[in-house]
Every structure is written in structure tokens, then in C-alpha cells.
PDB file of N, CA and C in Angstrom:
ATOM      1  N   MET A   1      59.387  -8.218-102.235  1.00  0.00           N
ATOM      2  CA  MET A   1      61.010  -8.378-102.417  1.00  0.00           C
ATOM      3  C   MET A   1      61.066  -9.117-101.253  1.00  0.00           C
ATOM      4  N   ALA A   2      61.537  -9.819-101.841  1.00  0.00           N
ATOM      5  CA  ALA A   2      61.120 -11.454 -99.938  1.00  0.00           C
ATOM      6  C   ALA A   2      63.464 -11.274 -99.850  1.00  0.00           C
ATOM      7  N   GLY A   3      62.893 -11.201 -98.769  1.00  0.00           N
ATOM      8  CA  GLY A   3      64.789 -11.345 -98.784  1.00  0.00           C
ATOM      9  C   GLY A   3      65.443 -10.133 -98.748  1.00  0.00           C
ATOM     10  N   ALA A   4      65.554  -8.875 -99.183  1.00  0.00           N
ATOM     11  CA  ALA A   4      66.252  -8.326 -99.652  1.00  0.00           C
ATOM     12  C   ALA A   4      66.299  -7.325 -98.628  1.00  0.00           C
ATOM     13  N   ARG A   5      67.167  -6.376 -98.447  1.00  0.00           N
ATOM     14  CA  ARG A   5      67.150  -5.925 -97.318  1.00  0.00           C
ATOM     15  C   ARG A   5      66.742  -4.079 -97.198  1.00  0.00           C
ATOM     16  N   ALA A   6      65.245  -3.832 -97.202  1.00  0.00           N
ATOM     17  CA  ALA A   6      65.533  -2.416 -97.375  1.00  0.00           C
ATOM     18  C   ALA A   6      66.863  -1.328 -97.466  1.00  0.00           C
ATOM     19  N   GLN A   7      65.785  -0.244 -98.304  1.00  0.00           N
ATOM     20  CA  GLN A   7      66.961   0.472 -98.384  1.00  0.00           C
ATOM     21  C   GLN A   7      66.779   1.825 -97.709  1.00  0.00           C
ATOM     22  N   LEU A   8      66.888   2.713 -96.905  1.00  0.00           N
ATOM     23  CA  LEU A   8      65.846   3.778 -96.107  1.00  0.00           C
ATOM     24  C   LEU A   8      66.848   4.555 -96.783  1.00  0.00           C
ATOM     25  N   ALA A   9      65.581   5.513 -97.213  1.00  0.00           N
ATOM     26  CA  ALA A   9      66.106   7.051 -97.745  1.00  0.00           C
ATOM     27  C   ALA A   9      64.940   8.448 -97.034  1.00  0.00           C
ATOM     28  N   ALA A  10      65.645   9.263 -96.112  1.00  0.00           N
ATOM     29  CA  ALA A  10      64.819  10.485 -95.908  1.00  0.00           C
ATOM     30  C   ALA A  10      65.587  11.712 -96.242  1.00  0.00           C
ATOM     31  N   VAL A  11      64.578  13.187 -96.560  1.00  0.00           N
ATOM     32  CA  VAL A  11      65.397  13.841 -96.923  1.00  0.00           C
ATOM     33  C   VAL A  11      65.247  15.034 -95.221  1.00  0.00           C
ATOM     34  N   LEU A  12      66.584  15.638 -95.421  1.00  0.00           N
ATOM     35  CA  LEU A  12      67.085  15.760 -93.798  1.00  0.00           C
ATOM     36  C   LEU A  12      66.677  17.055 -94.083  1.00  0.00           C
ATOM     37  N   GLY A  13      66.861  17.418 -95.514  1.00  0.00           N
ATOM     38  CA  GLY A  13      67.476  19.289 -96.052  1.00  0.00           C
ATOM     39  C   GLY A  13      66.840  20.109 -97.167  1.00  0.00           C
ATOM     40  N   THR A  14      66.093  20.883 -97.265  1.00  0.00           N
ATOM     41  CA  THR A  14      66.824  21.824 -98.783  1.00  0.00           C
ATOM     42  C   THR A  14      66.573  22.597 -98.542  1.00  0.00           C
ATOM     43  N   GLY A  15      67.516  23.081 -99.557  1.00  0.00           N
ATOM     44  CA  GLY A  15      68.250  24.736 -99.475  1.00  0.00           C
ATOM     45  C   GLY A  15      68.287  26.110-100.504  1.00  0.00           C
ATOM     46  N   GLN A  16      68.085  27.012-100.903  1.00  0.00           N
ATOM     47  CA  GLN A  16      67.557  27.616-101.950  1.00  0.00           C
ATOM     48  C   GLN A  16      68.259  28.364-102.359  1.00  0.00           C
ATOM     49  N   THR A  17      68.264  29.726-103.282  1.00  0.00           N
ATOM     50  CA  THR A  17      69.410  29.564-103.729  1.00  0.00           C
ATOM     51  C   THR A  17      68.334  30.896-103.741  1.00  0.00           C
ATOM     52  N   LYS A  18      67.854  32.542-103.748  1.00  0.00           N
ATOM     53  CA  LYS A  18      68.148  33.749-103.795  1.00  0.00           C
ATOM     54  C   LYS A  18      67.151  33.514-105.364  1.00  0.00           C
ATOM     55  N   TYR A  19      65.704  33.929-104.955  1.00  0.00           N
ATOM     56  CA  TYR A  19      65.715  33.935-106.348  1.00  0.00           C
ATOM     57  C   TYR A  19      64.830  35.533-107.123  1.00  0.00           C
ATOM     58  N   VAL A  20      65.641  35.433-107.973  1.00  0.00           N
ATOM     59  CA  VAL A  20      65.818  36.678-108.482  1.00  0.00           C
ATOM     60  C   VAL A  20      66.483  36.846-110.168  1.00  0.00           C
ATOM     61  N   ALA A  21      65.456  36.904-110.894  1.00  0.00           N
ATOM     62  CA  ALA A  21      66.633  36.790-112.398  1.00  0.00           C
ATOM     63  C   ALA A  21      68.165  37.145-112.413  1.00  0.00           C
ATOM     64  N   LYS A  22      68.806  37.544-111.731  1.00  0.00           N
ATOM     65  CA  LYS A  22      70.174  37.268-112.351  1.00  0.00           C
ATOM     66  C   LYS A  22      70.811  37.609-110.776  1.00  0.00           C
ATOM     67  N   ARG A  23      72.296  37.229-111.235  1.00  0.00           N
ATOM     68  CA  ARG A  23      73.142  37.175-110.502  1.00  0.00           C
ATOM     69  C   ARG A  23      74.584  38.036-110.520  1.00  0.00           C
ATOM     70  N   GLN A  24      74.658  39.233-110.140  1.00  0.00           N
ATOM     71  CA  GLN A  24      75.324  39.260-110.390  1.00  0.00           C
ATOM     72  C   GLN A  24      76.966  39.516-109.083  1.00  0.00           C
ATOM     73  N   ASP A  25      76.232  39.051-107.874  1.00  0.00           N
ATOM     74  CA  ASP A  25      77.198  39.164-107.095  1.00  0.00           C
ATOM     75  C   ASP A  25      77.850  37.413-106.618  1.00  0.00           C
ATOM     76  N   VAL A  26      77.074  36.958-107.362  1.00  0.00           N
ATOM     77  CA  VAL A  26      78.174  35.216-107.321  1.00  0.00           C
ATOM     78  C   VAL A  26      77.583  34.765-108.657  1.00  0.00           C
ATOM     79  N   SER A  27      78.571  33.208-108.132  1.00  0.00           N
ATOM     80  CA  SER A  27      80.093  32.637-109.693  1.00  0.00           C
ATOM     81  C   SER A  27      78.365  31.958-109.427  1.00  0.00           C
ATOM     82  N   MET A  28      79.352  30.513-110.293  1.00  0.00           N
ATOM     83  CA  MET A  28      77.818  29.310-109.717  1.00  0.00           C
ATOM     84  C   MET A  28      77.821  28.443-109.337  1.00  0.00           C
ATOM     85  N   ASN A  29      79.991  28.487-108.366  1.00  0.00           N
ATOM     86  CA  ASN A  29      80.390  27.834-107.823  1.00  0.00           C
ATOM     87  C   ASN A  29      79.670  28.253-106.099  1.00  0.00           C
ATOM     88  N   GLY A  30      79.100  29.719-105.975  1.00  0.00           N
ATOM     89  CA  GLY A  30      78.885  30.364-105.190  1.00  0.00           C
ATOM     90  C   GLY A  30      77.560  30.333-105.186  1.00  0.00           C
ATOM     91  N   LEU A  31      76.610  29.960-105.918  1.00  0.00           N
ATOM     92  CA  LEU A  31      75.541  29.408-105.484  1.00  0.00           C
ATOM     93  C   LEU A  31      75.260  28.353-105.088  1.00  0.00           C
ATOM     94  N   VAL A  32      75.914  26.927-105.799  1.00  0.00           N
ATOM     95  CA  VAL A  32      76.286  25.900-105.188  1.00  0.00           C
ATOM     96  C   VAL A  32      76.090  25.849-103.985  1.00  0.00           C
ATOM     97  N   ARG A  33      77.859  26.493-103.914  1.00  0.00           N
ATOM     98  CA  ARG A  33      77.744  26.759-102.023  1.00  0.00           C
ATOM     99  C   ARG A  33      76.676  27.126-101.386  1.00  0.00           C
ATOM    100  N   GLU A  34      75.767  28.142-101.750  1.00  0.00           N
ATOM    101  CA  GLU A  34      75.270  28.863-100.768  1.00  0.00           C
ATOM    102  C   GLU A  34      73.644  27.879-100.874  1.00  0.00           C
ATOM    103  N   ALA A  35      73.088  27.260-102.210  1.00  0.00           N
ATOM    104  CA  ALA A  35      72.165  26.060-101.934  1.00  0.00           C
ATOM    105  C   ALA A  35      72.232  24.935-100.415  1.00  0.00           C
ATOM    106  N   ILE A  36      73.702  24.701-100.639  1.00  0.00           N
ATOM    107  CA  ILE A  36      74.221  23.746 -99.541  1.00  0.00           C
ATOM    108  C   ILE A  36      74.181  23.778 -98.588  1.00  0.00           C
ATOM    109  N   ASP A  37      74.809  25.070 -98.191  1.00  0.00           N
ATOM    110  CA  ASP A  37      74.947  25.489 -96.988  1.00  0.00           C
ATOM    111  C   ASP A  37      73.286  25.952 -96.375  1.00  0.00           C
ATOM    112  N   ARG A  38      72.483  26.302 -97.016  1.00  0.00           N
ATOM    113  CA  ARG A  38      71.126  25.934 -96.787  1.00  0.00           C
ATOM    114  C   ARG A  38      70.856  25.103 -96.508  1.00  0.00           C
ATOM    115  N   ALA A  39      70.873  23.920 -97.113  1.00  0.00           N
ATOM    116  CA  ALA A  39      70.364  22.584 -97.048  1.00  0.00           C
ATOM    117  C   ALA A  39      70.817  22.653 -96.050  1.00  0.00           C
ATOM    118  N   LEU A  40      72.029  22.603 -95.126  1.00  0.00           N
ATOM    119  CA  LEU A  40      72.440  22.193 -93.918  1.00  0.00           C
ATOM    120  C   LEU A  40      72.239  22.328 -92.928  1.00  0.00           C
ATOM    121  N   GLN A  41      71.903  24.169 -92.807  1.00  0.00           N
ATOM    122  CA  GLN A  41      71.296  24.402 -91.351  1.00  0.00           C
ATOM    123  C   GLN A  41      69.923  23.946 -91.494  1.00  0.00           C
ATOM    124  N   ASP A  42      69.009  24.118 -92.594  1.00  0.00           N
ATOM    125  CA  ASP A  42      68.097  23.022 -92.198  1.00  0.00           C
ATOM    126  C   ASP A  42      67.727  21.946 -91.992  1.00  0.00           C
ATOM    127  N   SER A  43      68.945  21.501 -92.216  1.00  0.00           N
ATOM    128  CA  SER A  43      68.235  19.596 -92.179  1.00  0.00           C
ATOM    129  C   SER A  43      69.776  19.465 -89.742  1.00  0.00           C
ATOM    130  N   GLY A  44      70.393  20.790 -89.852  1.00  0.00           N
ATOM    131  CA  GLY A  44      70.774  20.945 -88.970  1.00  0.00           C
ATOM    132  C   GLY A  44      72.152  19.642 -88.841  1.00  0.00           C
ATOM    133  N   SER A  45      72.132  19.101 -90.216  1.00  0.00           N
ATOM    134  CA  SER A  45      74.117  18.666 -90.420  1.00  0.00           C
ATOM    135  C   SER A  45      75.059  18.805 -90.707  1.00  0.00           C
ATOM    136  N   MET A  46      75.956  18.106 -90.924  1.00  0.00           N
ATOM    137  CA  MET A  46      77.390  18.727 -91.617  1.00  0.00           C
ATOM    138  C   MET A  46      77.505  17.679 -92.599  1.00  0.00           C
ATOM    139  N   PHE A  47      78.723  18.065 -93.492  1.00  0.00           N
ATOM    140  CA  PHE A  47      79.107  17.139 -94.679  1.00  0.00           C
ATOM    141  C   PHE A  47      79.070  15.675 -94.526  1.00  0.00           C
ATOM    142  N   ASP A  48      80.058  15.769 -93.622  1.00  0.00           N
ATOM    143  CA  ASP A  48      79.620  13.781 -93.588  1.00  0.00           C
ATOM    144  C   ASP A  48      78.756  12.977 -92.521  1.00  0.00           C
ATOM    145  N   ASP A  49      77.832  13.933 -92.694  1.00  0.00           N
ATOM    146  CA  ASP A  49      76.166  12.774 -91.965  1.00  0.00           C
ATOM    147  C   ASP A  49      75.899  12.549 -93.195  1.00  0.00           C
ATOM    148  N   ILE A  50      75.517  13.401 -94.545  1.00  0.00           N
ATOM    149  CA  ILE A  50      75.195  12.873 -95.886  1.00  0.00           C
ATOM    150  C   ILE A  50      75.693  12.024 -96.778  1.00  0.00           C
ATOM    151  N   ASP A  51      75.423  11.228 -96.942  1.00  0.00           N
ATOM    152  CA  ASP A  51      74.546  10.929 -98.064  1.00  0.00           C
ATOM    153  C   ASP A  51      75.323   9.632 -99.450  1.00  0.00           C
ATOM    154  N   ALA A  52      74.361  11.175 -99.974  1.00  0.00           N
ATOM    155  CA  ALA A  52      73.696  11.306-100.635  1.00  0.00           C
ATOM    156  C   ALA A  52      72.900  12.890-101.060  1.00  0.00           C
ATOM    157  N   VAL A  53      72.851  13.281-102.366  1.00  0.00           N
ATOM    158  CA  VAL A  53      72.213  14.168-103.017  1.00  0.00           C
ATOM    159  C   VAL A  53      72.290  14.372-104.084  1.00  0.00           C
ATOM    160  N   VAL A  54      70.504  15.168-103.933  1.00  0.00           N
ATOM    161  CA  VAL A  54      69.684  15.298-105.293  1.00  0.00           C
ATOM    162  C   VAL A  54      69.843  17.146-105.372  1.00  0.00           C
ATOM    163  N   VAL A  55      70.164  17.060-106.559  1.00  0.00           N
ATOM    164  CA  VAL A  55      70.624  18.336-106.961  1.00  0.00           C
ATOM    165  C   VAL A  55      69.119  19.023-108.130  1.00  0.00           C
ATOM    166  N   GLY A  56      68.291  20.253-107.498  1.00  0.00           N
ATOM    167  CA  GLY A  56      67.433  19.904-108.697  1.00  0.00           C
ATOM    168  C   GLY A  56      67.871  22.166-110.063  1.00  0.00           C
ATOM    169  N   LYS A  57      67.131  21.748-110.334  1.00  0.00           N
ATOM    170  CA  LYS A  57      67.319  23.265-110.490  1.00  0.00           C
ATOM    171  C   LYS A  57      66.020  23.771-112.034  1.00  0.00           C
ATOM    172  N   ALA A  58      66.453  24.735-112.218  1.00  0.00           N
ATOM    173  CA  ALA A  58      64.349  25.673-112.948  1.00  0.00           C
ATOM    174  C   ALA A  58      64.796  27.157-113.742  1.00  0.00           C
ATOM    175  N   PRO A  59      65.098  27.370-115.032  1.00  0.00           N
ATOM    176  CA  PRO A  59      63.576  26.020-115.381  1.00  0.00           C
ATOM    177  C   PRO A  59      64.026  25.138-116.039  1.00  0.00           C
ATOM    178  N   ASP A  60      63.143  23.667-116.121  1.00  0.00           N
ATOM    179  CA  ASP A  60      64.363  22.862-117.161  1.00  0.00           C
ATOM    180  C   ASP A  60      65.072  23.217-118.329  1.00  0.00           C
ATOM    181  N   PHE A  61      64.620  24.684-119.101  1.00  0.00           N
ATOM    182  CA  PHE A  61      64.892  25.468-120.615  1.00  0.00           C
ATOM    183  C   PHE A  61      66.768  24.709-120.816  1.00  0.00           C
ATOM    184  N   PHE A  62      67.413  24.866-118.656  1.00  0.00           N
ATOM    185  CA  PHE A  62      68.926  25.049-119.245  1.00  0.00           C
ATOM    186  C   PHE A  62      69.401  23.553-118.507  1.00  0.00           C
ATOM    187  N   GLU A  63      68.830  23.189-119.013  1.00  0.00           N
ATOM    188  CA  GLU A  63      69.003  22.394-119.161  1.00  0.00           C
ATOM    189  C   GLU A  63      70.063  20.990-119.744  1.00  0.00           C
ATOM    190  N   GLY A  64      71.464  21.084-119.264  1.00  0.00           N
ATOM    191  CA  GLY A  64      72.724  20.418-119.761  1.00  0.00           C
ATOM    192  C   GLY A  64      73.586  21.702-119.982  1.00  0.00           C
ATOM    193  N   VAL A  65      72.911  22.526-119.779  1.00  0.00           N
ATOM    194  CA  VAL A  65      73.661  24.094-120.093  1.00  0.00           C
ATOM    195  C   VAL A  65      73.826  24.849-118.494  1.00  0.00           C
ATOM    196  N   MET A  66      73.656  24.417-117.169  1.00  0.00           N
ATOM    197  CA  MET A  66      73.037  24.975-116.487  1.00  0.00           C
ATOM    198  C   MET A  66      73.552  23.479-115.585  1.00  0.00           C
ATOM    199  N   MET A  67      74.571  23.478-115.157  1.00  0.00           N
ATOM    200  CA  MET A  67      75.171  21.849-114.709  1.00  0.00           C
ATOM    201  C   MET A  67      75.654  22.216-113.096  1.00  0.00           C
ATOM    202  N   PRO A  68      74.828  22.684-111.958  1.00  0.00           N
ATOM    203  CA  PRO A  68      75.091  23.433-110.649  1.00  0.00           C
ATOM    204  C   PRO A  68      76.038  21.432-110.248  1.00  0.00           C
ATOM    205  N   GLU A  69      75.432  20.294-110.820  1.00  0.00           N
ATOM    206  CA  GLU A  69      76.229  18.875-110.618  1.00  0.00           C
ATOM    207  C   GLU A  69      77.784  19.250-109.899  1.00  0.00           C
ATOM    208  N   LEU A  70      77.923  20.037-111.721  1.00  0.00           N
ATOM    209  CA  LEU A  70      79.827  19.600-111.732  1.00  0.00           C
ATOM    210  C   LEU A  70      80.746  20.749-110.858  1.00  0.00           C
ATOM    211  N   PHE A  71      79.623  21.398-109.966  1.00  0.00           N
ATOM    212  CA  PHE A  71      80.108  22.138-109.047  1.00  0.00           C
ATOM    213  C   PHE A  71      80.262  21.419-107.583  1.00  0.00           C
ATOM    214  N   MET A  72      79.564  20.528-107.646  1.00  0.00           N
ATOM    215  CA  MET A  72      80.131  19.767-106.239  1.00  0.00           C
ATOM    216  C   MET A  72      80.547  19.188-106.361  1.00  0.00           C
ATOM    217  N   ALA A  73      81.442  18.732-106.729  1.00  0.00           N
ATOM    218  CA  ALA A  73      82.976  18.435-106.199  1.00  0.00           C
ATOM    219  C   ALA A  73      84.392  19.561-105.877  1.00  0.00           C
ATOM    220  N   MET A  74      83.573  20.230-104.963  1.00  0.00           N
ATOM    221  CA  MET A  74      85.342  21.112-104.593  1.00  0.00           C
ATOM    222  C   MET A  74      85.702  20.951-103.129  1.00  0.00           C
ATOM    223  N   PRO A  75      86.392  21.237-102.766  1.00  0.00           N
ATOM    224  CA  PRO A  75      87.303  20.992-100.830  1.00  0.00           C
ATOM    225  C   PRO A  75      86.158  21.480-100.812  1.00  0.00           C
ATOM    226  N   TRP A  76      85.260  22.576-100.618  1.00  0.00           N
ATOM    227  CA  TRP A  76      84.241  22.598 -99.391  1.00  0.00           C
ATOM    228  C   TRP A  76      83.352  22.089 -99.705  1.00  0.00           C
ATOM    229  N   ALA A  77      82.958  21.438-101.161  1.00  0.00           N
ATOM    230  CA  ALA A  77      81.814  20.312-101.006  1.00  0.00           C
ATOM    231  C   ALA A  77      82.470  18.973-101.552  1.00  0.00           C
ATOM    232  N   PRO A  78      82.617  18.213-100.606  1.00  0.00           N
ATOM    233  CA  PRO A  78      83.766  17.074-101.145  1.00  0.00           C
ATOM    234  C   PRO A  78      82.621  15.658-100.930  1.00  0.00           C
ATOM    235  N   ALA A  79      81.783  16.027-102.444  1.00  0.00           N
ATOM    236  CA  ALA A  79      81.667  15.355-103.508  1.00  0.00           C
ATOM    237  C   ALA A  79      82.099  13.889-103.801  1.00  0.00           C
ATOM    238  N   THR A  80      81.220  12.870-103.267  1.00  0.00           N
ATOM    239  CA  THR A  80      82.276  11.210-103.670  1.00  0.00           C
ATOM    240  C   THR A  80      81.469  10.194-104.412  1.00  0.00           C
ATOM    241  N   SER A  81      81.903   9.211-104.582  1.00  0.00           N
ATOM    242  CA  SER A  81      80.187   7.688-104.809  1.00  0.00           C
ATOM    243  C   SER A  81      81.148   7.119-104.208  1.00  0.00           C
ATOM    244  N   ARG A  82      79.568   7.748-103.291  1.00  0.00           N
ATOM    245  CA  ARG A  82      79.167   6.288-102.250  1.00  0.00           C
ATOM    246  C   ARG A  82      78.242   5.176-102.649  1.00  0.00           C
TER     247      ARG A  82
END
């Protein structure tokens, strides 16, 4: 790509929720927040330091049913289109 400016990216941290068959103690919002808090702690970053987020879930059986990305635009997780 001659003349194109390189777009740099980095994985700063990761966060996962507790692995159990069922979580009765927390909502989907709470699960997303738990993963976000752990990723921020892992990276030593704050919300304002983050430009993009990649969300994953397992198993893929829940694709289209369990959509944690919908819960990222919460007051405590200010997701925007940057």
C-alpha cells in the first residue's frame, strides 16, 4: 500500500466472566460490565483510553440470541462510533 498511512492496533487487555453453566447472580448488563472491568484492569487503562472493542462469546450456538454488544452502549460503558 504505497502512500497509505499504517493503521496500528494493539490488544491492551482481556477480560472474561466467570466460567459456570449458569449465572443467577448477575444480568447480561452485569456480565458485560464484569468483562469490561477485568479487561480495563488487565490493561491498566481507563474508558477514555479505548478506541475500539472486540467482543466474543462462546459457544457460537448463541449467535443472534445472546448479543452482549447491545449492552455496551450503557452509561457506564460509553460505546460510540469513532
